[in-house]
C-alpha cells in the first residue's frame, strides 16, 4: 500500500487529496487499460513527495511533474 508509511493523519489526508487531483489531470492522457497500474505508480510518487510539499496543490503538481518525467 503506497500510503502505509504515512502515520500522520494530516499527511495521509494531504496525500489522498493530492492523488485525486493529480490523477484527474493525468488519467485522460494515459492509454486505456493502464489505469490501475499507473494510478498505483502515481500513489507511490505522491507518498514519496509528502515531506517536500507545502500543501495539497504543491504535492499534486510535484507528483504530476515526477510522473511525467518517468513516462
N, C-alpha and C. Protein backbone atom coordinates (compact mmCIF):
# COMPACT_ATOMS: atom_id res chain seq x y z
N UNK A 1 0.85 -1.19 0.00
CA UNK A 1 0.00 0.00 0.00
C UNK A 1 0.89 1.24 0.00
N UNK A 2 0.71 2.12 -0.97
CA UNK A 2 1.59 3.28 -1.11
C UNK A 2 1.61 4.22 0.09
N UNK A 3 0.49 4.39 0.76
CA UNK A 3 0.42 5.36 1.86
C UNK A 3 0.63 4.72 3.23
N UNK A 4 1.03 3.47 3.30
CA UNK A 4 1.20 2.80 4.58
C UNK A 4 2.32 3.41 5.42
N UNK A 5 3.24 4.11 4.78
CA UNK A 5 4.34 4.73 5.52
C UNK A 5 3.93 6.05 6.17
N UNK A 6 2.76 6.56 5.81
CA UNK A 6 2.29 7.84 6.36
C UNK A 6 1.52 7.59 7.65
N UNK A 7 2.06 8.07 8.74
CA UNK A 7 1.42 7.84 10.04
C UNK A 7 0.63 9.05 10.54
N UNK A 8 0.97 10.24 10.06
CA UNK A 8 0.27 11.45 10.46
C UNK A 8 -1.04 11.56 9.67
N UNK A 9 -2.17 11.68 10.35
CA UNK A 9 -3.45 11.78 9.65
C UNK A 9 -3.52 12.97 8.68
N UNK A 10 -2.84 14.05 9.02
CA UNK A 10 -2.84 15.21 8.13
C UNK A 10 -2.06 14.90 6.85
N UNK A 11 -0.92 14.26 6.98
CA UNK A 11 -0.15 13.86 5.80
C UNK A 11 -0.94 12.88 4.94
N UNK A 12 -1.62 11.97 5.57
CA UNK A 12 -2.42 10.99 4.83
C UNK A 12 -3.54 11.69 4.06
N UNK A 13 -4.22 12.62 4.70
CA UNK A 13 -5.30 13.36 4.03
C UNK A 13 -4.75 14.19 2.88
N UNK A 14 -3.61 14.83 3.08
CA UNK A 14 -2.98 15.61 2.00
C UNK A 14 -2.61 14.71 0.84
N UNK A 15 -2.06 13.55 1.14
CA UNK A 15 -1.64 12.62 0.09
C UNK A 15 -2.84 12.13 -0.71
N UNK A 16 -3.91 11.79 -0.03
CA UNK A 16 -5.11 11.30 -0.71
C UNK A 16 -5.71 12.39 -1.60
N UNK A 17 -5.78 13.61 -1.09
CA UNK A 17 -6.32 14.72 -1.88
C UNK A 17 -5.43 15.02 -3.08
N UNK A 18 -4.13 15.00 -2.88
CA UNK A 18 -3.20 15.26 -3.97
C UNK A 18 -3.26 14.16 -5.03
N UNK A 19 -3.40 12.92 -4.60
CA UNK A 19 -3.51 11.81 -5.54
C UNK A 19 -4.75 12.00 -6.42
N UNK A 20 -5.88 12.33 -5.82
CA UNK A 20 -7.10 12.52 -6.60
C UNK A 20 -6.94 13.66 -7.60
N UNK A 21 -6.35 14.74 -7.16
CA UNK A 21 -6.16 15.90 -8.03
C UNK A 21 -5.21 15.58 -9.18
N UNK A 22 -4.10 14.94 -8.86
CA UNK A 22 -3.12 14.59 -9.90
C UNK A 22 -3.70 13.56 -10.86
N UNK A 23 -4.42 12.58 -10.34
CA UNK A 23 -4.99 11.54 -11.18
C UNK A 23 -6.01 12.13 -12.15
N UNK A 24 -6.81 13.07 -11.69
CA UNK A 24 -7.81 13.71 -12.55
C UNK A 24 -7.14 14.40 -13.73
N UNK A 25 -5.96 14.94 -13.51
CA UNK A 25 -5.25 15.61 -14.60
C UNK A 25 -4.55 14.63 -15.53
N UNK A 26 -3.99 13.58 -14.98
CA UNK A 26 -3.19 12.65 -15.78
C UNK A 26 -4.00 11.59 -16.51
N UNK A 27 -5.06 11.12 -15.92
CA UNK A 27 -5.81 9.98 -16.46
C UNK A 27 -6.23 10.15 -17.92
N UNK A 28 -6.75 11.30 -18.34
CA UNK A 28 -7.19 11.41 -19.74
C UNK A 28 -6.07 11.20 -20.76
N UNK A 29 -4.84 11.42 -20.38
CA UNK A 29 -3.74 11.30 -21.34
C UNK A 29 -3.10 9.91 -21.35
N UNK A 30 -3.58 9.00 -20.51
CA UNK A 30 -3.00 7.67 -20.42
C UNK A 30 -3.73 6.69 -21.33
N UNK A 31 -3.01 5.68 -21.82
CA UNK A 31 -3.67 4.67 -22.66
C UNK A 31 -4.67 3.86 -21.86
N UNK A 32 -5.73 3.42 -22.55
CA UNK A 32 -6.72 2.60 -21.88
C UNK A 32 -6.09 1.29 -21.42
N UNK A 33 -6.55 0.80 -20.29
CA UNK A 33 -6.05 -0.46 -19.76
C UNK A 33 -4.89 -0.30 -18.80
N UNK A 34 -4.31 0.89 -18.72
CA UNK A 34 -3.18 1.12 -17.84
C UNK A 34 -3.59 1.81 -16.55
N UNK A 35 -4.89 2.02 -16.38
CA UNK A 35 -5.38 2.83 -15.26
C UNK A 35 -4.90 2.37 -13.89
N UNK A 36 -5.16 1.14 -13.54
CA UNK A 36 -4.85 0.67 -12.19
C UNK A 36 -3.34 0.73 -11.90
N UNK A 37 -2.56 0.24 -12.83
CA UNK A 37 -1.10 0.23 -12.64
C UNK A 37 -0.54 1.65 -12.54
N UNK A 38 -0.98 2.53 -13.43
CA UNK A 38 -0.47 3.90 -13.43
C UNK A 38 -0.94 4.68 -12.20
N UNK A 39 -2.17 4.45 -11.76
CA UNK A 39 -2.64 5.12 -10.54
C UNK A 39 -1.83 4.66 -9.34
N UNK A 40 -1.50 3.39 -9.28
CA UNK A 40 -0.67 2.87 -8.20
C UNK A 40 0.73 3.50 -8.24
N UNK A 41 1.30 3.61 -9.43
CA UNK A 41 2.61 4.27 -9.57
C UNK A 41 2.54 5.71 -9.08
N UNK A 42 1.47 6.39 -9.47
CA UNK A 42 1.28 7.77 -9.04
C UNK A 42 1.15 7.86 -7.52
N UNK A 43 0.45 6.93 -6.92
CA UNK A 43 0.29 6.93 -5.46
C UNK A 43 1.64 6.81 -4.76
N UNK A 44 2.52 5.95 -5.28
CA UNK A 44 3.85 5.83 -4.69
C UNK A 44 4.65 7.12 -4.85
N UNK A 45 4.49 7.77 -5.98
CA UNK A 45 5.18 9.05 -6.19
C UNK A 45 4.67 10.07 -5.18
N UNK A 46 3.35 10.15 -5.03
CA UNK A 46 2.76 11.09 -4.06
C UNK A 46 3.30 10.82 -2.67
N UNK A 47 3.30 9.57 -2.26
CA UNK A 47 3.77 9.21 -0.92
C UNK A 47 5.22 9.64 -0.71
N UNK A 48 6.04 9.50 -1.73
CA UNK A 48 7.45 9.85 -1.59
C UNK A 48 7.68 11.36 -1.51
N UNK A 49 6.72 12.12 -2.01
CA UNK A 49 6.88 13.58 -2.05
C UNK A 49 6.21 14.32 -0.89
N UNK A 50 5.46 13.63 -0.07
CA UNK A 50 4.75 14.28 1.03
C UNK A 50 5.67 15.16 1.89
N UNK A 51 6.85 14.69 2.28
CA UNK A 51 7.69 15.54 3.15
C UNK A 51 8.18 16.83 2.48
N UNK A 52 8.17 16.88 1.16
CA UNK A 52 8.70 18.04 0.44
C UNK A 52 7.65 19.09 0.11
N UNK A 53 6.39 18.71 0.10
CA UNK A 53 5.33 19.58 -0.40
C UNK A 53 4.84 20.57 0.65
N UNK A 54 4.41 21.72 0.16
CA UNK A 54 3.88 22.76 1.03
C UNK A 54 2.42 22.54 1.38
N UNK A 55 1.65 22.04 0.41
CA UNK A 55 0.22 21.78 0.61
C UNK A 55 -0.24 20.79 -0.45
N UNK A 56 -1.56 20.52 -0.50
CA UNK A 56 -2.06 19.53 -1.47
C UNK A 56 -1.80 19.93 -2.91
N UNK A 57 -1.96 21.23 -3.20
CA UNK A 57 -1.75 21.69 -4.57
C UNK A 57 -0.30 21.49 -5.00
N UNK A 58 0.60 21.85 -4.13
CA UNK A 58 2.03 21.68 -4.40
C UNK A 58 2.36 20.19 -4.55
N UNK A 59 1.82 19.39 -3.68
CA UNK A 59 2.05 17.95 -3.73
C UNK A 59 1.52 17.36 -5.03
N UNK A 60 0.34 17.74 -5.42
CA UNK A 60 -0.24 17.23 -6.66
C UNK A 60 0.61 17.63 -7.86
N UNK A 61 1.05 18.89 -7.90
CA UNK A 61 1.85 19.36 -9.04
C UNK A 61 3.21 18.67 -9.08
N UNK A 62 3.83 18.50 -7.93
CA UNK A 62 5.11 17.79 -7.90
C UNK A 62 4.94 16.34 -8.38
N UNK A 63 3.85 15.72 -7.97
CA UNK A 63 3.60 14.34 -8.38
C UNK A 63 3.36 14.24 -9.89
N UNK A 64 2.60 15.18 -10.42
CA UNK A 64 2.35 15.21 -11.86
C UNK A 64 3.67 15.36 -12.61
N UNK A 65 4.48 16.30 -12.17
CA UNK A 65 5.77 16.54 -12.82
C UNK A 65 6.65 15.29 -12.76
N UNK A 66 6.75 14.67 -11.61
CA UNK A 66 7.58 13.48 -11.46
C UNK A 66 7.04 12.32 -12.31
N UNK A 67 5.72 12.15 -12.33
CA UNK A 67 5.10 11.09 -13.13
C UNK A 67 5.44 11.28 -14.60
N UNK A 68 5.34 12.51 -15.07
CA UNK A 68 5.61 12.79 -16.48
C UNK A 68 7.10 12.61 -16.82
N UNK A 69 7.96 12.91 -15.87
CA UNK A 69 9.41 12.69 -16.07
C UNK A 69 9.70 11.22 -16.30
N UNK A 70 9.00 10.36 -15.57
CA UNK A 70 9.25 8.91 -15.65
C UNK A 70 8.61 8.27 -16.87
N UNK A 71 7.66 8.95 -17.48
CA UNK A 71 6.95 8.37 -18.63
C UNK A 71 7.77 8.39 -19.89
